Amino acid sequence: MLVQHFFDTSTNTFSYIVYDQASSDAVIIDSVLDFDPISLEYSTNSADLLIDFIKQKQLNPLYILETHLHADHLTASQYLKKTFTSAKSAVSERITEVQDTFNTILDLNVKNDGSQFDVLLTDEAQFEAGSLNIKVINTPGHTPACLCFIINESVLFAGDTVFYPEFGTGRCDFPGGSAEQMYSSIKNKIYSLNPSTVIYVGHDYPPASSEPRPMTTVADQMQKNIHIKADTTKDEFIAFRTQRDQQLKNPRLLFQSVQFNMNGGEAPINVNEARFFKLPLLKAKK
């Protein structure tokens, strides 16, 4: 099994292609559709890099996986499915909770049954992508529908649950997020894995002089994660995470991303073949 990472500098997002060199079976994790909120134009440059790599390696992508409903970038899953027509999109079954939440917040009428996705994944489910064995681990906290994928019992794709140790963990202040659940997800699930398990993260925020770092290990997280080490207590983490989240601004593409991604990779409003987002007017925080 091999892992190829791709890094979108606009959103600091990692996308991954995991593949078996012998069989050419592959999965795509957390793809990116480029979107400019000023011009309102989208492009497929990031996704095309994935397509070019897959074609060059003559791979057979069987699944397009989402670790959660992303709030900082648009998914390219529907665009990728037009090229790889046999690939199935997959997300946590708890996506329905997120759809309910943002339908209410944004007064949308997106279907709230998860039918925009080909597969809804349950906790501890195991499935095959050809020669790749994939196990699902529910890790709510950042959102209710967060999950991790452990592939061939050796590598974990953590999404926004944990980052490179010096950047800690994902925020927990989005609707349905929970610092208490995040603590449990990390301490009881991720930190219970073999310490040598390799972790591929969803984001990195390196200085301009450094390369982005996609990879860490369970042992590194337990020893060095600045938000939650092996001996961090629940009260300590909740207090820190809550205070930290109060200082954070909304992601630049928050409302566009959640609407697009909860609808399976399509804009939620269509009028005369034109596609639209709803954007709320928010009062500035003091």
C-alpha atoms as a PDB file:
ATOM      1  CA  MET A   1       0.000   0.000   0.000  1.00  0.00           C
ATOM      2  CA  LEU A   2       1.261   3.456  -0.959  1.00  0.00           C
ATOM      3  CA  VAL A   3       0.007   6.941  -0.045  1.00  0.00           C
ATOM      4  CA  GLN A   4       0.334  10.033  -2.222  1.00  0.00           C
ATOM      5  CA  HIS A   5      -0.539  13.360  -0.664  1.00  0.00           C
ATOM      6  CA  PHE A   6      -1.569  16.609  -2.343  1.00  0.00           C
ATOM      7  CA  PHE A   7      -1.622  19.991  -0.577  1.00  0.00           C
ATOM      8  CA  ASP A   8      -3.925  22.871  -1.448  1.00  0.00           C
ATOM      9  CA  THR A   9      -2.169  26.041  -0.319  1.00  0.00           C
ATOM     10  CA  SER A  10      -5.328  28.157  -0.514  1.00  0.00           C
ATOM     11  CA  THR A  11      -7.114  26.151   2.204  1.00  0.00           C
ATOM     12  CA  ASN A  12      -4.126  24.332   3.753  1.00  0.00           C
ATOM     13  CA  THR A  13      -5.886  21.057   2.992  1.00  0.00           C
ATOM     14  CA  PHE A  14      -4.360  17.648   2.362  1.00  0.00           C
ATOM     15  CA  SER A  15      -5.979  15.285  -0.118  1.00  0.00           C
ATOM     16  CA  TYR A  16      -4.812  11.699  -0.398  1.00  0.00           C
ATOM     17  CA  ILE A  17      -4.736   8.859  -2.878  1.00  0.00           C
ATOM     18  CA  VAL A  18      -4.180   5.503  -1.204  1.00  0.00           C
ATOM     19  CA  TYR A  19      -3.406   2.659  -3.565  1.00  0.00           C
ATOM     20  CA  ASP A  20      -2.144  -0.867  -3.858  1.00  0.00           C
ATOM     21  CA  GLN A  21       0.609  -0.983  -6.434  1.00  0.00           C
ATOM     22  CA  ALA A  22       0.077  -4.654  -7.298  1.00  0.00           C
ATOM     23  CA  SER A  23      -3.680  -4.515  -7.923  1.00  0.00           C
ATOM     24  CA  SER A  24      -3.971  -0.777  -8.824  1.00  0.00           C
ATOM     25  CA  ASP A  25      -6.958  -0.486  -6.458  1.00  0.00           C
ATOM     26  CA  ALA A  26      -7.258   2.979  -4.905  1.00  0.00           C
ATOM     27  CA  VAL A  27      -9.340   5.350  -2.801  1.00  0.00           C
ATOM     28  CA  ILE A  28      -9.413   9.154  -2.772  1.00  0.00           C
ATOM     29  CA  ILE A  29      -9.713  10.967   0.562  1.00  0.00           C
ATOM     30  CA  ASP A  30     -10.827  14.602   1.104  1.00  0.00           C
ATOM     31  CA  SER A  31     -10.639  16.046  -2.401  1.00  0.00           C
ATOM     32  CA  VAL A  32     -10.720  19.809  -3.067  1.00  0.00           C
ATOM     33  CA  LEU A  33     -12.670  21.858  -5.604  1.00  0.00           C
ATOM     34  CA  ASP A  34     -11.057  25.299  -5.916  1.00  0.00           C
ATOM     35  CA  PHE A  35     -13.374  28.241  -5.209  1.00  0.00           C
ATOM     36  CA  ASP A  36     -12.752  31.990  -5.110  1.00  0.00           C
ATOM     37  CA  PRO A  37     -15.295  33.756  -2.848  1.00  0.00           C
ATOM     38  CA  ILE A  38     -14.538  37.138  -4.453  1.00  0.00           C
ATOM     39  CA  SER A  39     -15.036  36.259  -8.121  1.00  0.00           C
ATOM     40  CA  LEU A  40     -17.447  33.424  -7.205  1.00  0.00           C
ATOM     41  CA  GLU A  41     -15.632  31.264  -9.745  1.00  0.00           C
ATOM     42  CA  TYR A  42     -14.623  27.657  -9.218  1.00  0.00           C
ATOM     43  CA  SER A  43     -11.885  25.697 -10.923  1.00  0.00           C
ATOM     44  CA  THR A  44     -10.690  22.114 -10.948  1.00  0.00           C
ATOM     45  CA  ASN A  45      -6.927  22.593 -10.733  1.00  0.00           C
ATOM     46  CA  SER A  46      -6.527  20.710  -7.442  1.00  0.00           C
ATOM     47  CA  ALA A  47      -8.795  17.856  -8.503  1.00  0.00           C
ATOM     48  CA  ASP A  48      -7.073  17.607 -11.880  1.00  0.00           C
ATOM     49  CA  LEU A  49      -3.794  16.872 -10.097  1.00  0.00           C
ATOM     50  CA  LEU A  50      -5.452  13.831  -8.542  1.00  0.00           C
ATOM     51  CA  ILE A  51      -6.882  12.745 -11.888  1.00  0.00           C
ATOM     52  CA  ASP A  52      -3.513  13.112 -13.617  1.00  0.00           C
ATOM     53  CA  PHE A  53      -1.796  11.028 -10.931  1.00  0.00           C
ATOM     54  CA  ILE A  54      -4.425   8.297 -11.097  1.00  0.00           C
ATOM     55  CA  LYS A  55      -4.217   8.110 -14.873  1.00  0.00           C
ATOM     56  CA  GLN A  56      -0.415   8.146 -14.836  1.00  0.00           C
ATOM     57  CA  LYS A  57      -0.332   5.250 -12.368  1.00  0.00           C
ATOM     58  CA  GLN A  58      -3.256   3.520 -14.138  1.00  0.00           C
ATOM     59  CA  LEU A  59      -5.138   3.197 -10.858  1.00  0.00           C
ATOM     60  CA  ASN A  60      -8.708   2.100 -10.264  1.00  0.00           C
ATOM     61  CA  PRO A  61     -10.323   4.410  -7.666  1.00  0.00           C
ATOM     62  CA  LEU A  62     -13.226   2.604  -6.006  1.00  0.00           C
ATOM     63  CA  TYR A  63     -14.248   5.130  -3.344  1.00  0.00           C
ATOM     64  CA  ILE A  64     -14.164   8.890  -2.864  1.00  0.00           C
ATOM     65  CA  LEU A  65     -14.111   9.226   0.930  1.00  0.00           C
ATOM     66  CA  GLU A  66     -14.882  12.216   3.149  1.00  0.00           C
ATOM     67  CA  THR A  67     -13.596  12.326   6.720  1.00  0.00           C
ATOM     68  CA  HIS A  68     -16.335  14.850   7.584  1.00  0.00           C
ATOM     69  CA  LEU A  69     -18.430  17.694   6.235  1.00  0.00           C
ATOM     70  CA  HIS A  70     -15.663  20.195   5.526  1.00  0.00           C
ATOM     71  CA  ALA A  71     -16.217  23.822   6.494  1.00  0.00           C
ATOM     72  CA  ASP A  72     -13.127  25.274   4.811  1.00  0.00           C
ATOM     73  CA  HIS A  73     -13.186  23.896   1.278  1.00  0.00           C
ATOM     74  CA  LEU A  74     -15.541  22.498  -1.321  1.00  0.00           C
ATOM     75  CA  THR A  75     -15.344  18.808  -2.154  1.00  0.00           C
ATOM     76  CA  ALA A  76     -14.506  17.736  -5.700  1.00  0.00           C
ATOM     77  CA  SER A  77     -16.299  14.405  -5.331  1.00  0.00           C
ATOM     78  CA  GLN A  78     -18.913  14.996  -8.028  1.00  0.00           C
ATOM     79  CA  TYR A  79     -16.311  16.256 -10.482  1.00  0.00           C
ATOM     80  CA  LEU A  80     -14.123  13.212  -9.822  1.00  0.00           C
ATOM     81  CA  LYS A  81     -17.073  10.864 -10.274  1.00  0.00           C
ATOM     82  CA  LYS A  82     -17.555  12.174 -13.815  1.00  0.00           C
ATOM     83  CA  THR A  83     -14.100  10.797 -14.670  1.00  0.00           C
ATOM     84  CA  PHE A  84     -14.140   7.720 -12.436  1.00  0.00           C
ATOM     85  CA  THR A  85     -17.720   6.615 -12.950  1.00  0.00           C
ATOM     86  CA  SER A  86     -17.452   3.420 -10.883  1.00  0.00           C
ATOM     87  CA  ALA A  87     -16.136   5.224  -7.774  1.00  0.00           C
ATOM     88  CA  LYS A  88     -18.605   5.589  -4.892  1.00  0.00           C
ATOM     89  CA  SER A  89     -18.806   8.637  -2.625  1.00  0.00           C
ATOM     90  CA  ALA A  90     -18.887   7.812   1.094  1.00  0.00           C
ATOM     91  CA  VAL A  91     -19.383   9.795   4.303  1.00  0.00           C
ATOM     92  CA  SER A  92     -20.505   9.203   7.885  1.00  0.00           C
ATOM     93  CA  GLU A  93     -24.144   8.208   8.363  1.00  0.00           C
ATOM     94  CA  ARG A  94     -24.346  11.122  10.808  1.00  0.00           C
ATOM     95  CA  ILE A  95     -24.238  13.505   7.843  1.00  0.00           C
ATOM     96  CA  THR A  96     -28.028  13.601   8.260  1.00  0.00           C
ATOM     97  CA  GLU A  97     -27.610  15.416  11.585  1.00  0.00           C
ATOM     98  CA  VAL A  98     -25.428  18.044   9.928  1.00  0.00           C
ATOM     99  CA  GLN A  99     -27.926  18.424   7.092  1.00  0.00           C
ATOM    100  CA  ASP A 100     -30.711  18.992   9.632  1.00  0.00           C
ATOM    101  CA  THR A 101     -28.630  21.565  11.506  1.00  0.00           C
ATOM    102  CA  PHE A 102     -27.654  23.692   8.524  1.00  0.00           C
ATOM    103  CA  ASN A 103     -31.046  23.397   6.850  1.00  0.00           C
ATOM    104  CA  THR A 104     -32.368  25.134   9.970  1.00  0.00           C
ATOM    105  CA  ILE A 105     -29.567  27.685  10.331  1.00  0.00           C
ATOM    106  CA  LEU A 106     -29.572  28.696   6.636  1.00  0.00           C
ATOM    107  CA  ASP A 107     -33.246  28.037   5.854  1.00  0.00           C
ATOM    108  CA  LEU A 108     -32.383  25.465   3.192  1.00  0.00           C
ATOM    109  CA  ASN A 109     -34.347  22.464   1.986  1.00  0.00           C
ATOM    110  CA  VAL A 110     -31.472  20.106   1.197  1.00  0.00           C
ATOM    111  CA  LYS A 111     -32.584  16.471   1.528  1.00  0.00           C
ATOM    112  CA  ASN A 112     -31.673  15.365   5.046  1.00  0.00           C
ATOM    113  CA  ASP A 113     -31.400  11.627   4.407  1.00  0.00           C
ATOM    114  CA  GLY A 114     -27.819  11.451   3.099  1.00  0.00           C
ATOM    115  CA  SER A 115     -29.056  10.310  -0.312  1.00  0.00           C
ATOM    116  CA  GLN A 116     -26.591  12.656  -2.047  1.00  0.00           C
ATOM    117  CA  PHE A 117     -23.878  10.118  -1.172  1.00  0.00           C
ATOM    118  CA  ASP A 118     -23.524   6.571  -2.460  1.00  0.00           C
ATOM    119  CA  VAL A 119     -22.544   5.038   0.893  1.00  0.00           C
ATOM    120  CA  LEU A 120     -23.281   6.089   4.482  1.00  0.00           C
ATOM    121  CA  LEU A 121     -20.657   4.687   6.848  1.00  0.00           C
ATOM    122  CA  THR A 122     -21.278   3.378  10.359  1.00  0.00           C
ATOM    123  CA  ASP A 123     -18.888   3.196  13.290  1.00  0.00           C
ATOM    124  CA  GLU A 124     -16.509   0.206  13.132  1.00  0.00           C
ATOM    125  CA  ALA A 125     -17.783  -0.795   9.687  1.00  0.00           C
ATOM    126  CA  GLN A 126     -15.209  -2.558   7.553  1.00  0.00           C
ATOM    127  CA  PHE A 127     -15.299  -2.629   3.793  1.00  0.00           C
ATOM    128  CA  GLU A 128     -13.015  -3.505   0.923  1.00  0.00           C
ATOM    129  CA  ALA A 129     -11.773  -1.314  -1.869  1.00  0.00           C
ATOM    130  CA  GLY A 130     -10.343  -4.113  -3.940  1.00  0.00           C
ATOM    131  CA  SER A 131      -7.217  -5.204  -2.075  1.00  0.00           C
ATOM    132  CA  LEU A 132      -7.483  -2.398   0.497  1.00  0.00           C
ATOM    133  CA  ASN A 133      -9.176  -3.122   3.828  1.00  0.00           C
ATOM    134  CA  ILE A 134     -10.770  -0.037   5.363  1.00  0.00           C
ATOM    135  CA  LYS A 135     -12.161   0.302   8.884  1.00  0.00           C
ATOM    136  CA  VAL A 136     -14.313   3.226   9.968  1.00  0.00           C
ATOM    137  CA  ILE A 137     -13.764   4.886  13.367  1.00  0.00           C
ATOM    138  CA  ASN A 138     -16.321   7.489  14.431  1.00  0.00           C
ATOM    139  CA  THR A 139     -14.500  10.462  15.967  1.00  0.00           C
ATOM    140  CA  PRO A 140     -17.099  13.167  16.684  1.00  0.00           C
ATOM    141  CA  GLY A 141     -16.047  16.447  18.245  1.00  0.00           C
ATOM    142  CA  HIS A 142     -15.025  18.750  15.423  1.00  0.00           C
ATOM    143  CA  THR A 143     -18.414  17.890  13.894  1.00  0.00           C
ATOM    144  CA  PRO A 144     -20.927  15.148  14.756  1.00  0.00           C
ATOM    145  CA  ALA A 145     -20.135  13.397  11.463  1.00  0.00           C
ATOM    146  CA  CYS A 146     -16.352  13.160  11.777  1.00  0.00           C
ATOM    147  CA  LEU A 147     -14.687   9.831  11.246  1.00  0.00           C
ATOM    148  CA  CYS A 148     -11.242   8.385  10.652  1.00  0.00           C
ATOM    149  CA  PHE A 149     -10.226   5.644   8.246  1.00  0.00           C
ATOM    150  CA  ILE A 150      -7.676   3.026   9.202  1.00  0.00           C
ATOM    151  CA  ILE A 151      -6.448   1.179   6.114  1.00  0.00           C
ATOM    152  CA  ASN A 152      -4.798  -2.233   6.145  1.00  0.00           C
ATOM    153  CA  GLU A 153      -4.473  -1.891   9.928  1.00  0.00           C
ATOM    154  CA  SER A 154      -1.441   0.348   9.496  1.00  0.00           C
ATOM    155  CA  VAL A 155      -2.305   3.939   8.551  1.00  0.00           C
ATOM    156  CA  LEU A 156      -4.974   6.276   9.918  1.00  0.00           C
ATOM    157  CA  PHE A 157      -6.504   9.190   8.017  1.00  0.00           C
ATOM    158  CA  ALA A 158      -7.600  11.573  10.769  1.00  0.00           C
ATOM    159  CA  GLY A 159      -9.288  14.452   8.938  1.00  0.00           C
ATOM    160  CA  ASP A 160      -9.619  17.414  11.324  1.00  0.00           C
ATOM    161  CA  THR A 161      -9.537  15.426  14.564  1.00  0.00           C
ATOM    162  CA  VAL A 162      -5.795  15.802  15.157  1.00  0.00           C
ATOM    163  CA  PHE A 163      -3.230  17.781  13.192  1.00  0.00           C
ATOM    164  CA  TYR A 164       0.557  17.764  13.227  1.00  0.00           C
ATOM    165  CA  PRO A 165       1.404  17.802  16.980  1.00  0.00           C
ATOM    166  CA  GLU A 166       2.447  21.458  17.088  1.00  0.00           C
ATOM    167  CA  PHE A 167      -0.998  22.490  15.774  1.00  0.00           C
ATOM    168  CA  GLY A 168      -2.983  20.261  18.108  1.00  0.00           C
ATOM    169  CA  THR A 169      -6.587  19.451  17.294  1.00  0.00           C
ATOM    170  CA  GLY A 170      -9.531  20.651  15.245  1.00  0.00           C
ATOM    171  CA  ARG A 171     -11.889  23.282  16.617  1.00  0.00           C
ATOM    172  CA  CYS A 172     -15.114  22.212  18.335  1.00  0.00           C
ATOM    173  CA  ASP A 173     -17.319  25.312  18.103  1.00  0.00           C
ATOM    174  CA  PHE A 174     -19.207  24.501  14.913  1.00  0.00           C
ATOM    175  CA  PRO A 175     -22.896  23.580  15.382  1.00  0.00           C
ATOM    176  CA  GLY A 176     -22.987  20.091  16.869  1.00  0.00           C
ATOM    177  CA  GLY A 177     -19.304  20.194  17.813  1.00  0.00           C
ATOM    178  CA  SER A 178     -18.193  19.114  21.273  1.00  0.00           C
ATOM    179  CA  ALA A 179     -14.876  19.420  23.073  1.00  0.00           C
ATOM    180  CA  GLU A 180     -15.946  16.611  25.405  1.00  0.00           C
ATOM    181  CA  GLN A 181     -16.621  14.303  22.464  1.00  0.00           C
ATOM    182  CA  MET A 182     -13.360  15.355  20.826  1.00  0.00           C
ATOM    183  CA  TYR A 183     -11.469  14.375  23.974  1.00  0.00           C
ATOM    184  CA  SER A 184     -13.132  10.964  24.024  1.00  0.00           C
ATOM    185  CA  SER A 185     -12.509  10.413  20.318  1.00  0.00           C
ATOM    186  CA  ILE A 186      -8.808  11.106  20.674  1.00  0.00           C
ATOM    187  CA  LYS A 187      -8.039   9.539  24.054  1.00  0.00           C
ATOM    188  CA  ASN A 188     -10.283   6.462  23.773  1.00  0.00           C
ATOM    189  CA  LYS A 189      -9.970   5.724  20.075  1.00  0.00           C
ATOM    190  CA  ILE A 190      -6.902   7.241  18.403  1.00  0.00           C
ATOM    191  CA  TYR A 191      -4.615   6.911  21.417  1.00  0.00           C
ATOM    192  CA  SER A 192      -5.714   3.308  21.911  1.00  0.00           C
ATOM    193  CA  LEU A 193      -4.167   2.346  18.566  1.00  0.00           C
ATOM    194  CA  ASN A 194      -0.678   0.898  18.283  1.00  0.00           C
ATOM    195  CA  PRO A 195       1.750   3.776  18.994  1.00  0.00           C
ATOM    196  CA  SER A 196       3.553   3.078  15.715  1.00  0.00           C
ATOM    197  CA  THR A 197       0.382   3.677  13.668  1.00  0.00           C
ATOM    198  CA  VAL A 198       1.022   6.327  11.035  1.00  0.00           C
ATOM    199  CA  ILE A 199      -1.448   9.242  11.025  1.00  0.00           C
ATOM    200  CA  TYR A 200      -2.158  11.345   7.952  1.00  0.00           C
ATOM    201  CA  VAL A 201      -3.705  14.687   8.917  1.00  0.00           C
ATOM    202  CA  GLY A 202      -6.272  16.867   7.160  1.00  0.00           C
ATOM    203  CA  HIS A 203      -4.429  20.194   7.342  1.00  0.00           C
ATOM    204  CA  ASP A 204      -1.086  21.779   8.098  1.00  0.00           C
ATOM    205  CA  TYR A 205      -0.142  25.431   8.567  1.00  0.00           C
ATOM    206  CA  PRO A 206       3.609  25.638   7.973  1.00  0.00           C
ATOM    207  CA  PRO A 207       5.614  28.861   7.656  1.00  0.00           C
ATOM    208  CA  ALA A 208       6.486  29.883   4.114  1.00  0.00           C
ATOM    209  CA  SER A 209       9.989  28.494   4.553  1.00  0.00           C
ATOM    210  CA  SER A 210       8.814  24.960   5.374  1.00  0.00           C
ATOM    211  CA  GLU A 211       7.079  22.179   3.504  1.00  0.00           C
ATOM    212  CA  PRO A 212       3.638  21.018   4.699  1.00  0.00           C
ATOM    213  CA  ARG A 213       3.767  17.879   6.833  1.00  0.00           C
ATOM    214  CA  PRO A 214       1.101  15.277   6.183  1.00  0.00           C
ATOM    215  CA  MET A 215       2.335  12.531   8.449  1.00  0.00           C
ATOM    216  CA  THR A 216       2.801  11.863  12.150  1.00  0.00           C
ATOM    217  CA  THR A 217       2.264   8.855  14.444  1.00  0.00           C
ATOM    218  CA  VAL A 218       0.096   7.948  17.418  1.00  0.00           C
ATOM    219  CA  ALA A 219       3.215   7.993  19.610  1.00  0.00           C
ATOM    220  CA  ASP A 220       4.107  11.516  18.447  1.00  0.00           C
ATOM    221  CA  GLN A 221       0.601  12.729  19.230  1.00  0.00           C
ATOM    222  CA  MET A 222       0.587  11.202  22.700  1.00  0.00           C
ATOM    223  CA  GLN A 223       3.961  12.756  23.547  1.00  0.00           C
ATOM    224  CA  LYS A 224       3.899  16.080  21.705  1.00  0.00           C
ATOM    225  CA  ASN A 225       0.386  17.211  20.777  1.00  0.00           C
ATOM    226  CA  ILE A 226       0.162  20.716  22.231  1.00  0.00           C
ATOM    227  CA  HIS A 227      -3.561  20.356  23.010  1.00  0.00           C
ATOM    228  CA  ILE A 228      -3.907  16.780  24.216  1.00  0.00           C
ATOM    229  CA  LYS A 229      -1.095  14.517  25.338  1.00  0.00           C
ATOM    230  CA  ALA A 230      -1.490  11.071  26.833  1.00  0.00           C
ATOM    231  CA  ASP A 231      -1.786  12.514  30.358  1.00  0.00           C
ATOM    232  CA  THR A 232      -4.052  15.497  29.548  1.00  0.00           C
ATOM    233  CA  THR A 233      -7.261  15.358  31.588  1.00  0.00           C
ATOM    234  CA  LYS A 234     -10.734  15.863  30.163  1.00  0.00           C
ATOM    235  CA  ASP A 235     -11.274  19.064  32.172  1.00  0.00           C
ATOM    236  CA  GLU A 236      -7.951  20.492  31.002  1.00  0.00           C
ATOM    237  CA  PHE A 237      -8.741  19.813  27.344  1.00  0.00           C
ATOM    238  CA  ILE A 238     -12.314  21.110  27.480  1.00  0.00           C
ATOM    239  CA  ALA A 239     -11.221  24.315  29.215  1.00  0.00           C
ATOM    240  CA  PHE A 240      -8.421  24.916  26.727  1.00  0.00           C
ATOM    241  CA  ARG A 241     -10.432  24.030  23.625  1.00  0.00           C
ATOM    242  CA  THR A 242     -13.409  26.152  24.684  1.00  0.00           C
ATOM    243  CA  GLN A 243     -11.254  29.211  25.382  1.00  0.00           C
ATOM    244  CA  ARG A 244      -9.283  28.716  22.182  1.00  0.00           C
ATOM    245  CA  ASP A 245     -12.387  28.366  20.014  1.00  0.00           C
ATOM    246  CA  GLN A 246     -13.816  31.632  21.347  1.00  0.00           C
ATOM    247  CA  GLN A 247     -10.834  33.418  19.796  1.00  0.00           C
ATOM    248  CA  LEU A 248     -11.151  31.880  16.320  1.00  0.00           C
ATOM    249  CA  LYS A 249     -12.762  33.496  13.292  1.00  0.00           C
ATOM    250  CA  ASN A 250     -15.038  31.571  10.972  1.00  0.00           C
ATOM    251  CA  PRO A 251     -13.297  29.805   8.086  1.00  0.00           C
ATOM    252  CA  ARG A 252     -13.188  31.919   4.927  1.00  0.00           C
ATOM    253  CA  LEU A 253     -15.437  29.526   2.979  1.00  0.00           C
ATOM    254  CA  LEU A 254     -17.618  28.328   5.862  1.00  0.00           C
ATOM    255  CA  PHE A 255     -21.097  28.931   4.469  1.00  0.00           C
ATOM    256  CA  GLN A 256     -20.271  28.033   0.875  1.00  0.00           C
ATOM    257  CA  SER A 257     -18.482  24.867   1.955  1.00  0.00           C
ATOM    258  CA  VAL A 258     -21.131  23.467   4.264  1.00  0.00           C
ATOM    259  CA  GLN A 259     -23.935  24.081   1.758  1.00  0.00           C
ATOM    260  CA  PHE A 260     -22.015  22.527  -1.120  1.00  0.00           C
ATOM    261  CA  ASN A 261     -20.647  19.583   0.852  1.00  0.00           C
ATOM    262  CA  MET A 262     -23.857  18.673   2.702  1.00  0.00           C
ATOM    263  CA  ASN A 263     -25.478  18.415  -0.725  1.00  0.00           C
ATOM    264  CA  GLY A 264     -22.915  15.847  -1.850  1.00  0.00           C
ATOM    265  CA  GLY A 265     -20.802  18.272  -3.862  1.00  0.00           C
ATOM    266  CA  GLU A 266     -23.443  20.395  -5.561  1.00  0.00           C
ATOM    267  CA  ALA A 267     -24.685  23.942  -4.928  1.00  0.00           C
ATOM    268  CA  PRO A 268     -27.986  23.726  -3.006  1.00  0.00           C
ATOM    269  CA  ILE A 269     -30.022  26.279  -4.958  1.00  0.00           C
ATOM    270  CA  ASN A 270     -30.722  26.084  -8.688  1.00  0.00           C
ATOM    271  CA  VAL A 271     -32.699  28.772 -10.529  1.00  0.00           C
ATOM    272  CA  ASN A 272     -32.933  28.717 -14.316  1.00  0.00           C
ATOM    273  CA  GLU A 273     -29.856  26.442 -14.434  1.00  0.00           C
ATOM    274  CA  ALA A 274     -27.832  28.920 -12.361  1.00  0.00           C
ATOM    275  CA  ARG A 275     -26.480  27.762  -8.988  1.00  0.00           C
ATOM    276  CA  PHE A 276     -26.492  29.797  -5.787  1.00  0.00           C
ATOM    277  CA  PHE A 277     -25.491  29.804  -2.126  1.00  0.00           C
ATOM    278  CA  LYS A 278     -27.262  31.488   0.779  1.00  0.00           C
ATOM    279  CA  LEU A 279     -25.086  33.756   2.927  1.00  0.00           C
ATOM    280  CA  PRO A 280     -26.242  35.109   6.314  1.00  0.00           C
ATOM    281  CA  LEU A 281     -25.604  38.632   7.501  1.00  0.00           C
ATOM    282  CA  LEU A 282     -23.754  38.375  10.817  1.00  0.00           C
ATOM    283  CA  LYS A 283     -23.074  41.024  13.424  1.00  0.00           C
ATOM    284  CA  ALA A 284     -19.381  41.427  14.202  1.00  0.00           C
ATOM    285  CA  LYS A 285     -18.106  40.036  17.465  1.00  0.00           C
ATOM    286  CA  LYS A 286     -16.950  42.656  19.969  1.00  0.00           C
END
